[in-house]
N, C-alpha and C. Protein backbone atom coordinates (compact mmCIF):
# COMPACT_ATOMS: atom_id res chain seq x y z
N UNK A 1 -25.25 19.55 -3.41
CA UNK A 1 -24.79 19.11 -4.69
C UNK A 1 -24.53 17.93 -5.07
N UNK A 2 -24.73 17.74 -6.19
CA UNK A 2 -24.27 16.22 -6.80
C UNK A 2 -23.79 16.44 -8.23
N UNK A 3 -22.56 15.63 -8.41
CA UNK A 3 -22.14 15.79 -9.73
C UNK A 3 -22.64 14.32 -10.51
N UNK A 4 -22.52 14.49 -11.72
CA UNK A 4 -22.58 13.21 -12.54
C UNK A 4 -21.31 13.33 -13.81
N UNK A 5 -20.94 12.44 -14.05
CA UNK A 5 -19.87 12.36 -15.50
C UNK A 5 -20.73 11.67 -16.49
N UNK A 6 -20.62 12.66 -17.78
CA UNK A 6 -21.57 11.73 -18.85
C UNK A 6 -20.82 11.15 -19.87
N UNK A 7 -20.97 10.52 -20.86
CA UNK A 7 -20.36 10.03 -21.78
C UNK A 7 -19.35 10.38 -22.77
N UNK A 8 -19.13 11.58 -22.30
CA UNK A 8 -18.05 12.21 -23.16
C UNK A 8 -16.80 12.14 -22.37
N UNK A 9 -16.64 11.24 -21.28
CA UNK A 9 -15.31 11.22 -20.62
C UNK A 9 -14.38 10.50 -21.28
N UNK A 10 -13.16 10.79 -21.02
CA UNK A 10 -12.26 10.24 -21.96
C UNK A 10 -11.21 9.62 -21.00
N UNK A 11 -11.34 9.94 -19.67
CA UNK A 11 -10.90 9.14 -18.60
C UNK A 11 -9.22 9.51 -18.31
N UNK A 12 -9.20 10.88 -18.73
CA UNK A 12 -7.94 12.02 -18.69
C UNK A 12 -7.31 11.79 -16.73
N UNK A 13 -8.37 11.75 -16.04
CA UNK A 13 -8.11 11.68 -14.75
C UNK A 13 -7.70 13.15 -14.15
N UNK A 14 -8.01 14.15 -14.64
CA UNK A 14 -8.19 15.65 -14.03
C UNK A 14 -8.99 15.66 -13.18
N UNK A 15 -10.21 15.15 -13.14
CA UNK A 15 -11.05 15.33 -12.01
C UNK A 15 -10.65 14.74 -10.63
N UNK A 16 -10.41 13.49 -11.09
CA UNK A 16 -9.74 12.74 -9.97
C UNK A 16 -8.34 13.16 -9.04
N UNK A 17 -8.01 14.20 -9.81
CA UNK A 17 -6.59 14.49 -9.27
C UNK A 17 -6.86 16.14 -8.51
N UNK A 18 -7.69 16.34 -9.20
CA UNK A 18 -8.43 18.02 -8.57
C UNK A 18 -9.27 17.44 -7.36
N UNK A 19 -10.09 16.54 -7.29
CA UNK A 19 -11.22 16.39 -6.25
C UNK A 19 -11.27 14.75 -6.18
N UNK A 20 -10.37 14.00 -5.70
CA UNK A 20 -10.45 12.77 -5.09
C UNK A 20 -11.66 12.35 -4.37
N UNK A 21 -11.86 13.15 -3.51
CA UNK A 21 -13.00 12.87 -2.60
C UNK A 21 -14.23 12.59 -3.42
N UNK A 22 -14.59 13.16 -4.50
CA UNK A 22 -15.63 13.18 -5.16
C UNK A 22 -15.58 11.92 -6.61
N UNK A 23 -14.31 12.54 -7.34
CA UNK A 23 -14.28 11.60 -8.54
C UNK A 23 -13.02 10.51 -8.53
N UNK A 24 -13.24 9.45 -9.08
CA UNK A 24 -12.39 8.57 -9.33
C UNK A 24 -12.60 7.67 -10.66
N UNK A 25 -11.39 7.21 -11.10
CA UNK A 25 -11.48 6.56 -12.24
C UNK A 25 -11.53 4.81 -11.88
N UNK A 26 -12.71 4.66 -12.98
CA UNK A 26 -13.35 3.12 -13.14
C UNK A 26 -13.63 2.63 -14.30
N UNK A 27 -12.82 1.63 -14.65
CA UNK A 27 -13.16 1.08 -15.84
C UNK A 27 -12.37 2.10 -17.30
N UNK A 28 -11.76 2.78 -16.93
CA UNK A 28 -10.95 3.78 -17.78
C UNK A 28 -12.02 5.07 -18.18
N UNK A 29 -12.92 5.34 -17.26
CA UNK A 29 -13.57 6.37 -17.29
C UNK A 29 -13.99 7.08 -15.67
N UNK A 30 -14.11 8.42 -15.70
CA UNK A 30 -14.65 8.83 -14.49
C UNK A 30 -15.95 8.79 -13.87
N UNK A 31 -15.80 8.34 -12.30
CA UNK A 31 -17.33 8.38 -12.10
C UNK A 31 -17.24 9.47 -10.54
N UNK A 32 -18.53 9.90 -10.53
CA UNK A 32 -18.54 10.81 -9.31
C UNK A 32 -19.35 9.99 -8.30
N UNK A 33 -19.05 10.33 -7.14
CA UNK A 33 -19.76 9.92 -5.77
C UNK A 33 -21.48 9.92 -6.14
N UNK A 34 -21.98 8.91 -5.45
CA UNK A 34 -23.53 8.99 -5.75
C UNK A 34 -24.21 10.14 -4.56
N UNK A 35 -23.62 10.41 -3.64
CA UNK A 35 -24.28 11.02 -2.61
C UNK A 35 -23.96 12.60 -2.96
N UNK A 36 -23.97 13.76 -2.07
CA UNK A 36 -24.00 14.83 -2.04
C UNK A 36 -22.52 15.34 -1.87
N UNK A 37 -22.15 15.79 -2.66
CA UNK A 37 -20.65 16.37 -2.51
C UNK A 37 -20.31 16.71 -0.97
N UNK A 38 -19.46 16.39 -0.13
CA UNK A 38 -19.00 16.91 0.99
C UNK A 38 -18.66 18.32 1.04
N UNK A 39 -19.04 19.05 2.16
CA UNK A 39 -18.79 20.49 2.07
C UNK A 39 -17.38 20.95 1.88
N UNK A 40 -16.67 20.41 2.52
CA UNK A 40 -15.15 20.70 2.36
C UNK A 40 -14.33 20.37 0.90
N UNK A 41 -15.29 19.71 0.09
CA UNK A 41 -14.89 19.34 -1.29
C UNK A 41 -15.71 20.31 -2.44
N UNK A 42 -16.37 20.91 -1.89
CA UNK A 42 -17.31 21.66 -2.95
C UNK A 42 -16.56 22.69 -4.06
N UNK A 43 -15.41 23.07 -3.54
CA UNK A 43 -14.74 24.21 -4.18
C UNK A 43 -13.89 23.19 -5.09
N UNK A 44 -13.21 22.38 -4.94
CA UNK A 44 -12.25 21.53 -5.45
C UNK A 44 -13.28 20.86 -6.64
N UNK A 45 -14.41 20.19 -6.00
CA UNK A 45 -15.54 19.56 -7.42
C UNK A 45 -15.88 20.49 -8.49
N UNK A 46 -16.11 21.81 -7.77
CA UNK A 46 -16.53 22.77 -8.94
C UNK A 46 -15.15 23.01 -9.84
N UNK A 47 -13.86 22.92 -9.40
CA UNK A 47 -12.86 23.57 -10.21
C UNK A 47 -12.76 22.48 -11.16
N UNK A 48 -12.87 21.10 -10.74
CA UNK A 48 -12.75 19.73 -11.56
C UNK A 48 -13.91 19.73 -12.76
N UNK A 49 -15.02 20.00 -12.36
CA UNK A 49 -15.91 20.41 -13.66
C UNK A 49 -15.48 21.34 -14.48
N UNK A 50 -15.05 22.37 -14.23
CA UNK A 50 -14.33 23.74 -14.85
C UNK A 50 -13.05 23.26 -15.84
N UNK A 51 -12.55 22.26 -15.11
CA UNK A 51 -11.14 21.91 -15.83
C UNK A 51 -11.50 20.74 -16.54
N UNK A 52 -12.29 20.16 -16.78
CA UNK A 52 -12.60 18.85 -17.66
C UNK A 52 -12.42 19.48 -19.03
N UNK A 53 -11.73 18.66 -19.73
CA UNK A 53 -11.45 19.18 -21.16
C UNK A 53 -12.37 18.74 -22.29
N UNK A 54 -13.60 17.91 -21.52
CA UNK A 54 -14.61 17.54 -22.63
C UNK A 54 -15.86 18.02 -21.88
N UNK A 55 -15.83 18.63 -20.85
CA UNK A 55 -17.08 19.26 -20.20
C UNK A 55 -18.08 17.88 -19.93
N UNK A 56 -17.37 16.78 -19.44
CA UNK A 56 -17.86 15.34 -18.81
C UNK A 56 -18.71 15.58 -17.84
N UNK A 57 -18.40 16.96 -17.00
CA UNK A 57 -18.83 16.60 -15.69
C UNK A 57 -20.21 17.66 -15.64
N UNK A 58 -21.35 17.26 -15.03
CA UNK A 58 -22.42 18.03 -15.22
C UNK A 58 -22.86 18.14 -13.64
N UNK A 59 -23.84 19.31 -13.40
CA UNK A 59 -24.20 19.06 -12.05
C UNK A 59 -25.74 18.37 -11.63
N UNK A 60 -26.02 17.90 -10.97
CA UNK A 60 -27.24 17.10 -10.89
C UNK A 60 -28.23 17.65 -10.12
C-alpha cells in the first residue's frame, strides 16, 4: 500500500507525529514516502490518514 498527500495539506504535522516512517514535513507541507508502506507501519499510517484534519492523505 502507498499513500500520497494532496494539495489540501496544511502542514500541521499530525501525520508525521503519528507515523514518521511514512510521513515527513517538507517545505511546510507533508509528503509521504514514495515506496510501499513498511508492514510494521501500516497501522500507524492508516491512523495518520484517518486523523488528518483536512483529509489530505489518500491511498494510492
